[in-house]
PDB file of N, CA and C in Angstrom:
ATOM      1  N   GLY A   1       0.745  -1.324   0.147  1.00  0.00           N
ATOM      2  CA  GLY A   1       0.151   0.066   0.111  1.00  0.00           C
ATOM      3  C   GLY A   1       0.932   1.257   0.063  1.00  0.00           C
ATOM      4  N   THR A   2       0.311   2.313   0.077  1.00  0.00           N
ATOM      5  CA  THR A   2       0.826   3.466  -0.081  1.00  0.00           C
ATOM      6  C   THR A   2       0.779   4.409   1.195  1.00  0.00           C
ATOM      7  N   GLU A   3       0.229   3.920   2.325  1.00  0.00           N
ATOM      8  CA  GLU A   3      -0.153   4.585   3.523  1.00  0.00           C
ATOM      9  C   GLU A   3       1.262   5.117   3.963  1.00  0.00           C
ATOM     10  N   GLY A   4       1.416   6.240   4.286  1.00  0.00           N
ATOM     11  CA  GLY A   4       2.492   6.883   5.130  1.00  0.00           C
ATOM     12  C   GLY A   4       3.487   7.310   3.976  1.00  0.00           C
ATOM     13  N   GLN A   5       3.278   7.209   2.886  1.00  0.00           N
ATOM     14  CA  GLN A   5       4.075   7.526   1.750  1.00  0.00           C
ATOM     15  C   GLN A   5       3.854   8.960   1.299  1.00  0.00           C
ATOM     16  N   LEU A   6       4.106   9.980   1.955  1.00  0.00           N
ATOM     17  CA  LEU A   6       3.809  11.303   1.422  1.00  0.00           C
ATOM     18  C   LEU A   6       4.842  12.127   0.846  1.00  0.00           C
ATOM     19  N   SER A   7       4.615  12.828  -0.082  1.00  0.00           N
ATOM     20  CA  SER A   7       5.478  13.825  -0.673  1.00  0.00           C
ATOM     21  C   SER A   7       5.992  14.811   0.463  1.00  0.00           C
ATOM     22  N   GLU A   8       7.102  15.561   0.095  1.00  0.00           N
ATOM     23  CA  GLU A   8       7.286  16.601   1.057  1.00  0.00           C
ATOM     24  C   GLU A   8       6.300  17.790   1.298  1.00  0.00           C
ATOM     25  N   LYS A   9       5.623  17.985   0.165  1.00  0.00           N
ATOM     26  CA  LYS A   9       4.588  19.113   0.279  1.00  0.00           C
ATOM     27  C   LYS A   9       3.244  18.470   1.061  1.00  0.00           C
ATOM     28  N   GLU A  10       3.028  17.185   0.811  1.00  0.00           N
ATOM     29  CA  GLU A  10       1.845  16.594   1.319  1.00  0.00           C
ATOM     30  C   GLU A  10       2.080  16.403   3.045  1.00  0.00           C
ATOM     31  N   LEU A  11       3.409  16.139   3.265  1.00  0.00           N
ATOM     32  CA  LEU A  11       3.677  16.078   4.776  1.00  0.00           C
ATOM     33  C   LEU A  11       3.820  17.458   5.414  1.00  0.00           C
ATOM     34  N   ARG A  12       4.190  18.293   4.729  1.00  0.00           N
ATOM     35  CA  ARG A  12       4.128  19.802   5.338  1.00  0.00           C
ATOM     36  C   ARG A  12       2.657  20.055   5.574  1.00  0.00           C
ATOM     37  N   ARG A  13       1.897  19.921   4.800  1.00  0.00           N
ATOM     38  CA  ARG A  13       0.422  20.328   4.915  1.00  0.00           C
ATOM     39  C   ARG A  13      -0.191  19.381   6.007  1.00  0.00           C
ATOM     40  N   ALA A  14       0.148  18.053   6.152  1.00  0.00           N
ATOM     41  CA  ALA A  14      -0.352  17.285   7.095  1.00  0.00           C
ATOM     42  C   ALA A  14       0.156  17.566   8.613  1.00  0.00           C
ATOM     43  N   ALA A  15       1.453  17.993   8.605  1.00  0.00           N
ATOM     44  CA  ALA A  15       1.867  18.558   9.972  1.00  0.00           C
ATOM     45  C   ALA A  15       1.418  19.847  10.273  1.00  0.00           C
ATOM     46  N   GLY A  16       1.213  20.780   9.448  1.00  0.00           N
ATOM     47  CA  GLY A  16       0.496  22.147   9.589  1.00  0.00           C
ATOM     48  C   GLY A  16      -0.707  21.859  10.226  1.00  0.00           C
ATOM     49  N   ASP A  17      -1.503  21.013   9.642  1.00  0.00           N
ATOM     50  CA  ASP A  17      -2.819  20.709  10.030  1.00  0.00           C
ATOM     51  C   ASP A  17      -2.824  20.276  11.547  1.00  0.00           C
ATOM     52  N   ILE A  18      -2.137  19.425  11.567  1.00  0.00           N
ATOM     53  CA  ILE A  18      -1.917  18.748  13.084  1.00  0.00           C
ATOM     54  C   ILE A  18      -1.477  19.853  14.077  1.00  0.00           C
ATOM     55  N   LEU A  19      -0.477  20.752  13.603  1.00  0.00           N
ATOM     56  CA  LEU A  19      -0.147  21.732  14.612  1.00  0.00           C
ATOM     57  C   LEU A  19      -1.193  22.827  14.689  1.00  0.00           C
ATOM     58  N   HIS A  20      -1.967  23.025  13.670  1.00  0.00           N
ATOM     59  CA  HIS A  20      -3.078  24.001  13.771  1.00  0.00           C
ATOM     60  C   HIS A  20      -3.971  23.526  14.822  1.00  0.00           C
ATOM     61  N   ASP A  21      -4.373  22.218  14.547  1.00  0.00           N
ATOM     62  CA  ASP A  21      -5.407  21.425  15.516  1.00  0.00           C
ATOM     63  C   ASP A  21      -4.835  21.662  16.949  1.00  0.00           C
ATOM     64  N   TRP A  22      -3.529  21.439  17.342  1.00  0.00           N
ATOM     65  CA  TRP A  22      -3.138  21.744  18.639  1.00  0.00           C
ATOM     66  C   TRP A  22      -3.054  23.091  19.140  1.00  0.00           C
ATOM     67  N   GLU A  23      -2.869  23.959  18.280  1.00  0.00           N
ATOM     68  CA  GLU A  23      -2.780  25.332  18.547  1.00  0.00           C
ATOM     69  C   GLU A  23      -4.280  25.925  18.998  1.00  0.00           C
ATOM     70  N   LYS A  24      -5.230  25.516  18.254  1.00  0.00           N
ATOM     71  CA  LYS A  24      -6.592  25.811  18.512  1.00  0.00           C
ATOM     72  C   LYS A  24      -7.037  25.126  19.899  1.00  0.00           C
ATOM     73  N   ARG A  25      -6.641  23.819  20.154  1.00  0.00           N
ATOM     74  CA  ARG A  25      -6.721  23.344  21.529  1.00  0.00           C
ATOM     75  C   ARG A  25      -6.167  23.916  22.739  1.00  0.00           C
ATOM     76  N   ALA A  26      -4.879  24.507  22.455  1.00  0.00           N
ATOM     77  CA  ALA A  26      -4.087  25.187  23.467  1.00  0.00           C
ATOM     78  C   ALA A  26      -4.810  26.514  23.675  1.00  0.00           C
ATOM     79  N   LEU A  27      -5.351  27.270  22.608  1.00  0.00           N
ATOM     80  CA  LEU A  27      -5.790  28.566  22.913  1.00  0.00           C
ATOM     81  C   LEU A  27      -7.229  28.490  23.505  1.00  0.00           C
ATOM     82  N   ALA A  28      -7.947  27.353  23.421  1.00  0.00           N
ATOM     83  CA  ALA A  28      -9.128  26.976  24.086  1.00  0.00           C
ATOM     84  C   ALA A  28      -9.038  26.642  25.501  1.00  0.00           C
ATOM     85  N   GLY A  29      -7.756  26.558  25.874  1.00  0.00           N
ATOM     86  CA  GLY A  29      -7.483  26.211  27.466  1.00  0.00           C
ATOM     87  C   GLY A  29      -7.531  25.009  27.604  1.00  0.00           C
ATOM     88  N   LYS A  30      -7.482  23.801  26.617  1.00  0.00           N
ATOM     89  CA  LYS A  30      -7.827  22.573  26.996  1.00  0.00           C
ATOM     90  C   LYS A  30      -6.204  22.215  27.166  1.00  0.00           C
ATOM     91  N   PRO A  31      -6.129  21.269  28.099  1.00  0.00           N
ATOM     92  CA  PRO A  31      -4.687  20.856  28.604  1.00  0.00           C
ATOM     93  C   PRO A  31      -3.857  19.970  27.310  1.00  0.00           C
ATOM     94  N   ILE A  32      -2.633  20.230  27.353  1.00  0.00           N
ATOM     95  CA  ILE A  32      -1.592  19.468  26.335  1.00  0.00           C
ATOM     96  C   ILE A  32      -1.122  18.273  27.301  1.00  0.00           C
ATOM     97  N   PRO A  33      -1.400  17.015  26.690  1.00  0.00           N
ATOM     98  CA  PRO A  33      -0.897  15.847  27.256  1.00  0.00           C
ATOM     99  C   PRO A  33       0.615  15.948  27.425  1.00  0.00           C
ATOM    100  N   PRO A  34       1.216  15.385  28.771  1.00  0.00           N
ATOM    101  CA  PRO A  34       2.645  15.425  28.793  1.00  0.00           C
ATOM    102  C   PRO A  34       3.441  14.516  27.817  1.00  0.00           C
ATOM    103  N   VAL A  35       4.487  14.780  27.585  1.00  0.00           N
ATOM    104  CA  VAL A  35       5.455  13.948  26.682  1.00  0.00           C
ATOM    105  C   VAL A  35       5.766  12.644  27.173  1.00  0.00           C
ATOM    106  N   ARG A  36       5.481  11.771  26.317  1.00  0.00           N
ATOM    107  CA  ARG A  36       5.623  10.181  27.050  1.00  0.00           C
ATOM    108  C   ARG A  36       7.033   9.960  26.681  1.00  0.00           C
ATOM    109  N   ARG A  37       7.604   9.052  27.743  1.00  0.00           N
ATOM    110  CA  ARG A  37       8.921   8.763  27.540  1.00  0.00           C
ATOM    111  C   ARG A  37       8.869   7.385  26.854  1.00  0.00           C
ATOM    112  N   ALA A  38       9.845   7.149  25.935  1.00  0.00           N
ATOM    113  CA  ALA A  38       9.995   5.793  25.144  1.00  0.00           C
ATOM    114  C   ALA A  38      10.388   4.488  26.133  1.00  0.00           C
ATOM    115  N   LEU A  39       9.975   3.658  25.864  1.00  0.00           N
ATOM    116  CA  LEU A  39      10.074   2.321  26.772  1.00  0.00           C
ATOM    117  C   LEU A  39      11.452   1.988  26.512  1.00  0.00           C
ATOM    118  N   ALA A  40      12.293   1.569  27.435  1.00  0.00           N
ATOM    119  CA  ALA A  40      13.616   1.188  27.415  1.00  0.00           C
ATOM    120  C   ALA A  40      13.704  -0.253  26.696  1.00  0.00           C
ATOM    121  N   ALA A  41      14.680  -0.477  25.908  1.00  0.00           N
ATOM    122  CA  ALA A  41      15.053  -1.822  25.298  1.00  0.00           C
ATOM    123  C   ALA A  41      15.146  -2.940  26.309  1.00  0.00           C
ATOM    124  N   PRO A  42      14.729  -4.060  26.214  1.00  0.00           N
ATOM    125  CA  PRO A  42      15.057  -5.324  27.027  1.00  0.00           C
ATOM    126  C   PRO A  42      16.478  -5.384  27.294  1.00  0.00           C
ATOM    127  N   SER A  43      16.883  -5.586  28.562  1.00  0.00           N
ATOM    128  CA  SER A  43      18.079  -5.563  29.140  1.00  0.00           C
ATOM    129  C   SER A  43      18.866  -6.913  28.766  1.00  0.00           C
ATOM    130  N   ARG A  44      18.129  -7.978  28.740  1.00  0.00           N
ATOM    131  CA  ARG A  44      18.807  -9.363  28.610  1.00  0.00           C
ATOM    132  C   ARG A  44      18.597  -9.776  27.200  1.00  0.00           C
ATOM    133  N   ASP A  45      19.424 -10.539  26.758  1.00  0.00           N
ATOM    134  CA  ASP A  45      19.274 -11.184  25.371  1.00  0.00           C
ATOM    135  C   ASP A  45      18.146 -12.285  25.200  1.00  0.00           C
ATOM    136  N   ARG A  46      17.305 -12.187  24.347  1.00  0.00           N
ATOM    137  CA  ARG A  46      16.105 -13.099  24.390  1.00  0.00           C
ATOM    138  C   ARG A  46      16.431 -14.133  23.118  1.00  0.00           C
ATOM    139  N   GLY A  47      17.611 -14.286  22.857  1.00  0.00           N
ATOM    140  CA  GLY A  47      17.985 -15.547  22.014  1.00  0.00           C
ATOM    141  C   GLY A  47      17.872 -15.007  20.574  1.00  0.00           C
ATOM    142  N   PRO A  48      18.113 -15.907  19.607  1.00  0.00           N
ATOM    143  CA  PRO A  48      18.046 -15.550  18.106  1.00  0.00           C
ATOM    144  C   PRO A  48      16.688 -15.214  17.682  1.00  0.00           C
ATOM    145  N   THR A  49      16.645 -14.378  16.694  1.00  0.00           N
ATOM    146  CA  THR A  49      15.580 -13.745  16.204  1.00  0.00           C
ATOM    147  C   THR A  49      14.933 -14.946  15.133  1.00  0.00           C
ATOM    148  N   PRO A  50      13.817 -14.820  14.586  1.00  0.00           N
ATOM    149  CA  PRO A  50      13.370 -15.799  13.564  1.00  0.00           C
ATOM    150  C   PRO A  50      14.288 -15.727  12.345  1.00  0.00           C
ATOM    151  N   ALA A  51      14.750 -14.543  12.027  1.00  0.00           N
ATOM    152  CA  ALA A  51      15.530 -14.220  10.782  1.00  0.00           C
ATOM    153  C   ALA A  51      16.794 -14.987  10.904  1.00  0.00           C
ATOM    154  N   GLU A  52      17.437 -15.025  12.227  1.00  0.00           N
ATOM    155  CA  GLU A  52      18.705 -15.494  12.583  1.00  0.00           C
ATOM    156  C   GLU A  52      18.344 -16.901  12.417  1.00  0.00           C
ATOM    157  N   MET A  53      17.385 -17.657  12.895  1.00  0.00           N
ATOM    158  CA  MET A  53      17.119 -18.902  13.091  1.00  0.00           C
ATOM    159  C   MET A  53      17.092 -19.517  11.636  1.00  0.00           C
ATOM    160  N   LEU A  54      16.328 -18.843  10.752  1.00  0.00           N
ATOM    161  CA  LEU A  54      16.254 -19.332   9.320  1.00  0.00           C
ATOM    162  C   LEU A  54      17.564 -19.233   8.560  1.00  0.00           C
ATOM    163  N   MET A  55      18.416 -18.302   8.913  1.00  0.00           N
ATOM    164  CA  MET A  55      19.738 -18.186   8.414  1.00  0.00           C
ATOM    165  C   MET A  55      20.672 -19.238   8.810  1.00  0.00           C
ATOM    166  N   ALA A  56      20.634 -19.643   9.960  1.00  0.00           N
ATOM    167  CA  ALA A  56      21.473 -20.629  10.387  1.00  0.00           C
ATOM    168  C   ALA A  56      20.921 -22.116   9.810  1.00  0.00           C
ATOM    169  N   LYS A  57      19.673 -22.268   9.839  1.00  0.00           N
ATOM    170  CA  LYS A  57      19.094 -23.462   8.910  1.00  0.00           C
ATOM    171  C   LYS A  57      19.558 -23.275   7.638  1.00  0.00           C
ATOM    172  N   TYR A  58      19.538 -22.163   6.945  1.00  0.00           N
ATOM    173  CA  TYR A  58      19.979 -22.222   5.319  1.00  0.00           C
ATOM    174  C   TYR A  58      21.435 -22.611   5.406  1.00  0.00           C
ATOM    175  N   LYS A  59      22.256 -21.896   6.318  1.00  0.00           N
ATOM    176  CA  LYS A  59      23.619 -22.247   6.166  1.00  0.00           C
ATOM    177  C   LYS A  59      24.049 -23.689   6.344  1.00  0.00           C
ATOM    178  N   GLN A  60      23.368 -24.257   7.515  1.00  0.00           N
ATOM    179  CA  GLN A  60      23.541 -25.868   7.786  1.00  0.00           C
ATOM    180  C   GLN A  60      23.168 -26.402   6.651  1.00  0.00           C
ATOM    181  N   ARG A  61      22.054 -26.350   5.884  1.00  0.00           N
ATOM    182  CA  ARG A  61      21.808 -27.112   4.743  1.00  0.00           C
ATOM    183  C   ARG A  61      22.687 -26.873   3.621  1.00  0.00           C
ATOM    184  N   LYS A  62      23.070 -25.621   3.547  1.00  0.00           N
ATOM    185  CA  LYS A  62      24.100 -25.381   2.120  1.00  0.00           C
ATOM    186  C   LYS A  62      25.368 -26.140   2.535  1.00  0.00           C
ATOM    187  N   ASP A  63      25.744 -26.047   3.994  1.00  0.00           N
ATOM    188  CA  ASP A  63      27.289 -26.628   4.260  1.00  0.00           C
ATOM    189  C   ASP A  63      27.042 -28.271   3.985  1.00  0.00           C
ATOM    190  N   ALA A  64      25.770 -28.820   4.094  1.00  0.00           N
ATOM    191  CA  ALA A  64      25.434 -30.167   4.061  1.00  0.00           C
ATOM    192  C   ALA A  64      25.327 -30.583   2.488  1.00  0.00           C
ATOM    193  N   GLY A  65      25.456 -29.519   1.724  1.00  0.00           N
ATOM    194  CA  GLY A  65      25.351 -29.878   0.267  1.00  0.00           C
ATOM    195  C   GLY A  65      23.707 -29.946  -0.224  1.00  0.00           C
ATOM    196  N   LEU A  66      22.723 -29.607   0.647  1.00  0.00           N
ATOM    197  CA  LEU A  66      21.367 -30.001   0.291  1.00  0.00           C
ATOM    198  C   LEU A  66      20.782 -28.691  -0.548  1.00  0.00           C
ATOM    199  N   ILE A  67      21.462 -27.677  -0.580  1.00  0.00           N
ATOM    200  CA  ILE A  67      21.089 -26.548  -1.216  1.00  0.00           C
ATOM    201  C   ILE A  67      22.082 -26.294  -2.607  1.00  0.00           C
TER     202      ILE A  67
END
């Protein structure tokens, strides 16, 4: 699909519209929500990713001459 693929002109307009809406909200006296902090990345290793497992299986089969 093409969702999220805006040209620079379209992106500027969309950002301007959002900023305008927040400006109207602030001028009306409505509260602006606090900035949310990003979640920290997991500190411990969770093992191989699915892509890493597939690559290991591929290399194992290639080394065995099956591919």
